[in-house]
Amino acid sequence: MSKQPKYRQVADALRREIDDGTYPPGSRLPSESELSARFDASRNSVRSGLGLFVTQGLVTSSQGLGYEVAKHEVFELNASRFEDLSFPQNGSAYSMDGTNAGRRPHQTFRVEIRPAPDEVAARLKVEPGSRAVLRFCHRFVDDVPWSTQATYYPAWLADEAPRLAEPGDMEGGTTRHLAERGTEQLGYLDEISTRMPTPEEARALEVGAGVPVLLWMRTG
């Protein structure tokens, strides 16, 4: 007899069946009552087992529709080539690559003037608390949250390029706009890591608290 709690037995068995294709992406799992009968488990145990999958982003749940195996599709974005000012473009890397892939990309923007956090100030080489422009972008692919992007610019740069402080997308991107204003980016440092999302990130990306997020930090 298994020493595992019932909810773990339910979760482990269903995970194997999801992995072997018994329940492919987009398919619905059996109802809680069906799983309760199959595993001789209480509804609470079944719900706890399924709750693990929801937290991990393996399945989604909706009232009245039950549990569905999540679809994990890859969306390729070649952002770095758009840093090359000689590369011809019409729009942003995100919108162009998304549209060319037959997807429906859209994004929302907000702009704030705020003191630079200590870590940001160190990267921008300004005094902590110095005034900075934050451009925040929330991106979607086919109406599904895909990423958030927070970009800080020192106030002196925004004074030279006032459009940085205006909300909305910038045709050709900020790097190209700054180059046209006489401030050309000479290089950048990328740092990539993973971690669990903050509550705000989990809400914005509509993921469970147990789903890791990819953190891409670029200093130009």
Protein backbone atom coordinates (compact mmCIF):
# COMPACT_ATOMS: atom_id res chain seq x y z
CA MET A 1 0.00 0.00 0.00
CA SER A 2 1.35 3.43 -0.95
CA LYS A 3 2.44 5.65 1.91
CA GLN A 4 1.86 8.75 -0.19
CA PRO A 5 -1.10 10.97 0.66
CA LYS A 6 -4.07 10.44 -1.63
CA TYR A 7 -3.71 13.82 -3.30
CA ARG A 8 -0.12 12.94 -4.28
CA GLN A 9 -1.24 9.59 -5.68
CA VAL A 10 -3.84 11.37 -7.79
CA ALA A 11 -1.35 14.00 -8.94
CA ASP A 12 1.43 11.52 -9.77
CA ALA A 13 -0.87 9.23 -11.76
CA LEU A 14 -2.37 12.08 -13.75
CA ARG A 15 1.07 13.59 -14.36
CA ARG A 16 2.23 10.33 -15.92
CA GLU A 17 -0.84 10.26 -18.15
CA ILE A 18 -0.33 13.87 -19.22
CA ASP A 19 3.33 13.14 -20.01
CA ASP A 20 2.56 10.01 -22.05
CA GLY A 21 -0.10 11.78 -24.11
CA THR A 22 -3.18 10.16 -22.61
CA TYR A 23 -4.32 13.72 -21.95
CA PRO A 24 -2.69 15.94 -24.60
CA PRO A 25 -2.53 19.75 -24.42
CA GLY A 26 -5.99 21.25 -24.75
CA SER A 27 -7.81 18.13 -23.55
CA ARG A 28 -10.02 18.06 -20.49
CA LEU A 29 -9.26 15.91 -17.48
CA PRO A 30 -11.95 13.71 -15.94
CA SER A 31 -14.28 15.46 -13.52
CA GLU A 32 -13.55 15.57 -9.80
CA SER A 33 -16.30 13.03 -9.14
CA GLU A 34 -14.88 10.64 -11.76
CA LEU A 35 -11.38 10.96 -10.34
CA SER A 36 -12.73 10.52 -6.82
CA ALA A 37 -14.30 7.20 -7.82
CA ARG A 38 -11.24 6.06 -9.77
CA PHE A 39 -8.78 6.68 -6.94
CA ASP A 40 -11.16 5.96 -4.07
CA ALA A 41 -10.34 9.41 -2.78
CA SER A 42 -12.35 12.25 -1.32
CA ARG A 43 -13.25 15.24 -3.49
CA ASN A 44 -10.96 17.37 -1.33
CA SER A 45 -8.01 15.06 -2.02
CA VAL A 46 -8.71 15.13 -5.75
CA ARG A 47 -9.06 18.91 -5.68
CA SER A 48 -5.76 19.24 -3.81
CA GLY A 49 -3.99 17.06 -6.38
CA LEU A 50 -5.39 19.07 -9.27
CA GLY A 51 -4.54 22.26 -7.42
CA LEU A 52 -0.86 21.32 -7.63
CA PHE A 53 -1.13 21.28 -11.42
CA VAL A 54 -2.86 24.66 -11.49
CA THR A 55 -0.12 26.18 -9.32
CA GLN A 56 2.55 24.68 -11.59
CA GLY A 57 0.83 25.91 -14.76
CA LEU A 58 0.29 22.36 -16.01
CA VAL A 59 -3.50 22.68 -16.19
CA THR A 60 -6.01 25.51 -16.14
CA SER A 61 -9.33 25.50 -14.37
CA SER A 62 -12.55 27.39 -14.93
CA GLN A 63 -15.83 27.22 -13.08
CA GLY A 64 -18.29 24.94 -14.79
CA LEU A 65 -15.73 23.69 -17.34
CA GLY A 66 -13.40 21.69 -15.12
CA TYR A 67 -9.68 21.23 -15.74
CA GLU A 68 -7.88 21.48 -19.07
CA VAL A 69 -4.29 20.51 -19.87
CA ALA A 70 -2.44 23.73 -20.64
CA LYS A 71 -1.02 24.44 -24.07
CA HIS A 72 2.61 25.56 -24.01
CA GLU A 73 3.44 27.11 -27.36
CA VAL A 74 6.79 28.63 -28.29
CA PHE A 75 6.81 32.19 -29.58
CA GLU A 76 10.17 33.13 -31.10
CA LEU A 77 11.31 36.74 -30.84
CA ASN A 78 14.66 37.91 -32.21
CA ALA A 79 14.89 41.16 -30.29
CA SER A 80 18.64 41.70 -30.50
CA ARG A 81 18.76 42.04 -34.27
CA PHE A 82 16.56 45.11 -33.92
CA GLU A 83 19.32 46.74 -31.88
CA ASP A 84 21.29 46.85 -35.15
CA LEU A 85 20.48 50.26 -36.60
CA SER A 86 21.37 49.05 -40.10
CA PHE A 87 18.65 46.39 -39.96
CA PRO A 88 15.59 47.50 -41.97
CA GLN A 89 12.38 47.41 -40.00
CA ASN A 90 8.85 48.65 -39.93
CA GLY A 91 7.62 48.57 -36.35
CA SER A 92 8.97 46.76 -33.31
CA ALA A 93 10.59 43.33 -33.14
CA TYR A 94 7.70 42.10 -31.03
CA SER A 95 4.94 43.23 -33.39
CA MET A 96 6.79 42.20 -36.56
CA ASP A 97 7.83 38.73 -35.40
CA GLY A 98 4.43 38.10 -33.85
CA THR A 99 2.54 39.12 -36.97
CA ASN A 100 4.90 37.19 -39.27
CA ALA A 101 4.26 34.07 -37.16
CA GLY A 102 0.52 34.42 -37.75
CA ARG A 103 -0.15 35.54 -34.18
CA ARG A 104 -2.04 38.54 -32.82
CA PRO A 105 0.36 40.65 -30.75
CA HIS A 106 -0.73 43.72 -28.82
CA GLN A 107 0.67 45.68 -25.92
CA THR A 108 -0.21 48.35 -23.40
CA PHE A 109 2.09 51.09 -22.12
CA ARG A 110 2.41 53.37 -19.18
CA VAL A 111 5.08 55.94 -18.37
CA GLU A 112 6.06 57.21 -14.93
CA ILE A 113 8.54 59.76 -13.63
CA ARG A 114 9.87 58.30 -10.39
CA PRO A 115 12.99 58.00 -8.22
CA ALA A 116 15.34 55.31 -9.50
CA PRO A 117 15.54 52.26 -7.19
CA ASP A 118 19.03 51.69 -5.79
CA GLU A 119 19.85 48.78 -8.13
CA VAL A 120 18.63 50.73 -11.16
CA ALA A 121 20.54 53.85 -10.09
CA ALA A 122 23.74 51.81 -9.84
CA ARG A 123 23.26 50.46 -13.36
CA LEU A 124 22.46 53.91 -14.76
CA LYS A 125 25.41 55.39 -12.84
CA VAL A 126 23.28 58.08 -11.19
CA GLU A 127 22.71 58.95 -7.54
CA PRO A 128 20.19 56.73 -5.70
CA GLY A 129 16.77 58.35 -5.76
CA SER A 130 17.59 60.40 -8.85
CA ARG A 131 14.68 61.17 -11.14
CA ALA A 132 14.19 58.56 -13.86
CA VAL A 133 11.68 57.75 -16.57
CA LEU A 134 10.07 54.32 -16.33
CA ARG A 135 8.50 52.94 -19.51
CA PHE A 136 6.40 49.89 -18.63
CA CYS A 137 5.05 47.59 -21.32
CA HIS A 138 2.61 44.68 -20.89
CA ARG A 139 2.64 42.38 -23.92
CA PHE A 140 0.12 39.81 -25.13
CA VAL A 141 0.12 37.16 -27.85
CA ASP A 142 -3.34 36.05 -29.00
CA ASP A 143 -4.77 37.85 -25.92
CA VAL A 144 -2.62 35.71 -23.59
CA PRO A 145 -0.12 37.61 -21.35
CA TRP A 146 3.37 37.00 -22.69
CA SER A 147 5.72 39.39 -20.90
CA THR A 148 6.15 42.58 -18.94
CA GLN A 149 8.97 45.00 -19.60
CA ALA A 150 10.17 47.80 -17.33
CA THR A 151 12.79 50.11 -18.85
CA TYR A 152 14.41 52.94 -16.90
CA TYR A 153 16.09 55.99 -18.46
CA PRO A 154 17.97 58.69 -16.53
CA ALA A 155 16.23 62.05 -16.46
CA TRP A 156 19.01 63.79 -18.40
CA LEU A 157 18.44 61.42 -21.31
CA ALA A 158 14.71 62.08 -21.27
CA ASP A 159 15.45 65.82 -21.31
CA GLU A 160 17.39 65.31 -24.55
CA ALA A 161 14.75 62.97 -26.02
CA PRO A 162 11.37 64.10 -24.60
CA ARG A 163 9.44 61.35 -26.39
CA LEU A 164 10.82 58.89 -23.84
CA ALA A 165 8.39 60.41 -21.34
CA GLU A 166 5.39 60.04 -23.66
CA PRO A 167 3.16 56.95 -23.27
CA GLY A 168 2.62 54.61 -26.19
CA ASP A 169 4.75 52.65 -28.60
CA MET A 170 7.65 54.39 -30.31
CA GLU A 171 7.97 53.66 -34.02
CA GLY A 172 11.29 51.93 -34.64
CA GLY A 173 11.98 51.52 -30.93
CA THR A 174 13.67 53.69 -28.33
CA THR A 175 17.21 52.62 -29.30
CA ARG A 176 16.72 53.90 -32.85
CA HIS A 177 14.97 57.05 -31.62
CA LEU A 178 17.84 57.89 -29.27
CA ALA A 179 20.39 57.30 -32.04
CA GLU A 180 18.50 59.74 -34.24
CA ARG A 181 18.76 62.25 -31.39
CA GLY A 182 22.52 61.80 -31.19
CA THR A 183 22.79 59.19 -28.42
CA GLU A 184 23.75 55.87 -29.99
CA GLN A 185 23.94 52.68 -27.94
CA LEU A 186 27.46 51.26 -28.10
CA GLY A 187 26.74 47.92 -26.45
CA TYR A 188 24.77 46.16 -23.75
CA LEU A 189 25.06 43.51 -21.06
CA ASP A 190 22.39 40.82 -20.79
CA GLU A 191 21.79 38.88 -17.57
CA ILE A 192 19.28 36.03 -17.67
CA SER A 193 17.96 34.15 -14.64
CA THR A 194 14.84 32.42 -13.38
CA ARG A 195 12.89 32.80 -10.16
CA MET A 196 9.39 32.50 -8.79
CA PRO A 197 7.10 35.40 -9.68
CA THR A 198 6.12 38.16 -7.31
CA PRO A 199 2.36 38.34 -6.61
CA GLU A 200 2.12 41.31 -8.99
CA GLU A 201 3.93 39.40 -11.76
CA ALA A 202 1.77 36.31 -11.25
CA ARG A 203 -1.36 38.43 -11.67
CA ALA A 204 -0.02 40.28 -14.71
CA LEU A 205 1.11 37.09 -16.45
CA GLU A 206 -1.86 35.03 -15.22
CA VAL A 207 0.33 32.20 -13.94
CA GLY A 208 0.31 30.16 -10.77
CA ALA A 209 2.57 31.07 -7.88
CA GLY A 210 4.61 27.91 -8.57
CA VAL A 211 5.39 28.73 -12.20
CA PRO A 212 8.92 30.15 -12.62
CA VAL A 213 9.42 33.28 -14.69
CA LEU A 214 12.38 34.15 -16.90
CA LEU A 215 14.07 37.40 -15.88
CA TRP A 216 15.98 39.11 -18.69
CA MET A 217 17.88 42.17 -17.49
CA ARG A 218 19.65 44.33 -20.06
CA THR A 219 21.93 47.26 -19.25
CA GLY A 220 22.74 49.36 -22.32
